[in-house]
Amino acid sequence: MTFSITGYDARNGMMGVAVATRYWAVGARVPYVSAGLAALAVQAYAQPYLGYDTLRLMREHGLSGPEALKQVLAADPGRDWRQVGLVDCHGNCYGYTGSETAPWSGHALGASSVGAGNMLVGEETVTAMVELFEAHPELDLPERLMA
């Protein structure tokens, strides 16, 4: 079981990730954040290079977050087992849930956030995360992510 929210705070340009899972050391495998570029949550059968390569393409080629992630996913032979939520420094959001991720799995897009989850009972968790994040723009980013 893993669920995450990736969010963008337009007031100050900050981006971040919050994640909960049953696996140890999730902070080393799921969140990828680079100031001034993007924040990603890479989960399910997490492949670290999805995060590294997406950020590299953005930095080196000036791609938007969604453009870079789509390019990286297209080259990943294991993409059907992966799940990714992304926000970039311009507020662009993108979510991807592969067809082979464990049920229930899926993602929800907000105006400035992406909620994603797998091995859940249903979509209620990811929907609630996004709704709460979007409903409280007055809160600082860490509080919005944890809500």
Protein backbone atom coordinates (compact mmCIF):
# COMPACT_ATOMS: atom_id res chain seq x y z
CA MET A 1 0.00 0.00 0.00
CA THR A 2 1.37 3.38 -1.04
CA PHE A 3 -0.27 6.76 -1.44
CA SER A 4 1.28 10.13 -2.14
CA ILE A 5 0.53 13.72 -2.97
CA THR A 6 2.75 15.97 -5.05
CA GLY A 7 1.89 19.64 -4.82
CA TYR A 8 2.78 23.11 -6.06
CA ASP A 9 2.30 26.30 -4.03
CA ALA A 10 1.81 29.19 -6.47
CA ARG A 11 2.26 31.79 -3.71
CA ASN A 12 5.96 31.07 -3.39
CA GLY A 13 6.81 28.61 -6.19
CA MET A 14 7.51 25.77 -3.76
CA MET A 15 6.91 22.13 -4.67
CA GLY A 16 6.93 19.01 -2.53
CA VAL A 17 5.92 15.41 -1.97
CA ALA A 18 4.31 13.59 0.96
CA VAL A 19 4.07 9.80 0.90
CA ALA A 20 2.86 6.97 3.12
CA THR A 21 3.65 3.34 2.49
CA ARG A 22 4.31 0.00 4.13
CA TYR A 23 7.87 -0.12 2.79
CA TRP A 24 10.99 0.95 4.70
CA ALA A 25 13.07 3.98 3.68
CA VAL A 26 10.46 5.34 1.31
CA GLY A 27 12.19 8.72 1.32
CA ALA A 28 15.03 7.20 -0.68
CA ARG A 29 12.78 5.74 -3.41
CA VAL A 30 9.65 7.83 -3.95
CA PRO A 31 10.23 11.62 -3.75
CA TYR A 32 12.38 13.45 -6.30
CA VAL A 33 12.45 17.23 -5.95
CA SER A 34 14.67 19.87 -7.56
CA ALA A 35 14.20 23.54 -6.65
CA GLY A 36 13.08 25.58 -9.62
CA LEU A 37 12.25 22.48 -11.69
CA ALA A 38 9.78 19.91 -10.42
CA ALA A 39 8.65 17.47 -7.76
CA LEU A 40 7.80 13.84 -8.52
CA ALA A 41 6.49 10.88 -6.56
CA VAL A 42 7.68 7.67 -8.25
CA GLN A 43 5.95 4.62 -6.78
CA ALA A 44 4.56 1.12 -7.37
CA TYR A 45 7.59 -0.74 -8.79
CA ALA A 46 9.59 2.44 -8.26
CA GLN A 47 12.41 3.07 -10.70
CA PRO A 48 14.67 5.88 -9.44
CA TYR A 49 15.78 6.82 -12.94
CA LEU A 50 12.26 8.03 -13.74
CA GLY A 51 12.88 10.84 -11.26
CA TYR A 52 16.53 11.44 -12.14
CA ASP A 53 16.00 11.39 -15.91
CA THR A 54 12.87 13.56 -15.83
CA LEU A 55 14.69 16.25 -13.85
CA ARG A 56 17.76 15.97 -16.11
CA LEU A 57 15.68 16.42 -19.28
CA MET A 58 13.99 19.46 -17.80
CA ARG A 59 17.31 20.98 -16.73
CA GLU A 60 19.30 20.21 -19.88
CA HIS A 61 16.63 20.56 -22.58
CA GLY A 62 14.17 23.03 -21.07
CA LEU A 63 11.23 20.62 -21.26
CA SER A 64 8.17 21.07 -19.09
CA GLY A 65 7.63 18.47 -16.39
CA PRO A 66 4.90 16.61 -18.28
CA GLU A 67 6.91 16.63 -21.53
CA ALA A 68 10.01 15.25 -19.82
CA LEU A 69 8.13 12.58 -17.85
CA LYS A 70 6.20 11.38 -20.91
CA GLN A 71 9.50 11.02 -22.77
CA VAL A 72 11.09 9.07 -19.91
CA LEU A 73 8.05 6.80 -19.51
CA ALA A 74 7.98 6.07 -23.24
CA ALA A 75 11.52 4.67 -22.96
CA ASP A 76 10.81 2.62 -19.80
CA PRO A 77 10.02 -1.05 -20.56
CA GLY A 78 8.54 -1.39 -17.05
CA ARG A 79 6.19 1.60 -17.32
CA ASP A 80 3.07 -0.58 -16.98
CA TRP A 81 4.11 -1.38 -13.38
CA ARG A 82 4.90 2.21 -12.41
CA GLN A 83 3.01 5.13 -10.95
CA VAL A 84 4.14 8.76 -10.99
CA GLY A 85 2.73 12.10 -9.87
CA LEU A 86 4.49 15.29 -11.03
CA VAL A 87 4.16 19.04 -10.61
CA ASP A 88 6.62 21.46 -12.17
CA CYS A 89 7.72 24.99 -11.32
CA HIS A 90 5.09 26.43 -13.67
CA GLY A 91 2.24 24.60 -11.95
CA ASN A 92 1.87 21.93 -14.65
CA CYS A 93 0.55 18.66 -13.23
CA TYR A 94 0.78 15.16 -14.66
CA GLY A 95 -0.19 11.77 -13.30
CA TYR A 96 0.51 8.31 -14.65
CA THR A 97 -0.71 4.92 -13.43
CA GLY A 98 0.46 1.86 -15.35
CA SER A 99 -2.02 -0.85 -16.27
CA GLU A 100 -0.20 -3.53 -14.23
CA THR A 101 -0.11 -1.69 -10.88
CA ALA A 102 -1.80 -3.56 -8.02
CA PRO A 103 -5.53 -2.86 -7.54
CA TRP A 104 -6.91 -0.49 -6.47
CA SER A 105 -4.53 1.92 -8.13
CA GLY A 106 -5.01 5.28 -9.75
CA HIS A 107 -4.37 8.97 -9.52
CA ALA A 108 -6.32 12.22 -9.28
CA LEU A 109 -5.30 15.58 -10.73
CA GLY A 110 -5.98 18.90 -9.10
CA ALA A 111 -5.16 22.37 -10.36
CA SER A 112 -1.84 22.28 -8.49
CA SER A 113 -1.51 18.73 -7.16
CA VAL A 114 -1.50 15.06 -8.05
CA GLY A 115 -2.64 12.34 -5.67
CA ALA A 116 -1.68 8.75 -6.44
CA GLY A 117 -2.18 5.42 -4.72
CA ASN A 118 -1.92 1.69 -5.22
CA MET A 119 -2.98 -1.39 -3.24
CA LEU A 120 -5.81 0.72 -1.77
CA VAL A 121 -9.44 -0.19 -1.12
CA GLY A 122 -10.64 2.49 -3.56
CA GLU A 123 -10.10 5.94 -4.98
CA GLU A 124 -11.36 7.83 -1.90
CA THR A 125 -7.87 8.35 -0.42
CA VAL A 126 -6.33 9.98 -3.50
CA THR A 127 -9.45 12.05 -4.16
CA ALA A 128 -9.54 13.33 -0.57
CA MET A 129 -5.84 14.26 -0.63
CA VAL A 130 -6.26 16.36 -3.76
CA GLU A 131 -9.51 17.97 -2.54
CA LEU A 132 -7.90 19.01 0.77
CA PHE A 133 -4.74 20.32 -0.90
CA GLU A 134 -6.73 22.41 -3.40
CA ALA A 135 -9.20 23.68 -0.77
CA HIS A 136 -6.55 25.27 1.46
CA PRO A 137 -4.25 27.57 -0.55
CA GLU A 138 -3.81 29.74 2.55
CA LEU A 139 -1.78 27.03 4.30
CA ASP A 140 1.96 26.66 3.87
CA LEU A 141 3.04 23.87 1.54
CA PRO A 142 4.09 21.37 4.26
CA GLU A 143 0.71 21.71 6.00
CA ARG A 144 -1.16 21.32 2.71
CA LEU A 145 0.80 18.20 1.82
CA MET A 146 0.23 16.62 5.25
CA ALA A 147 -3.49 17.49 5.36
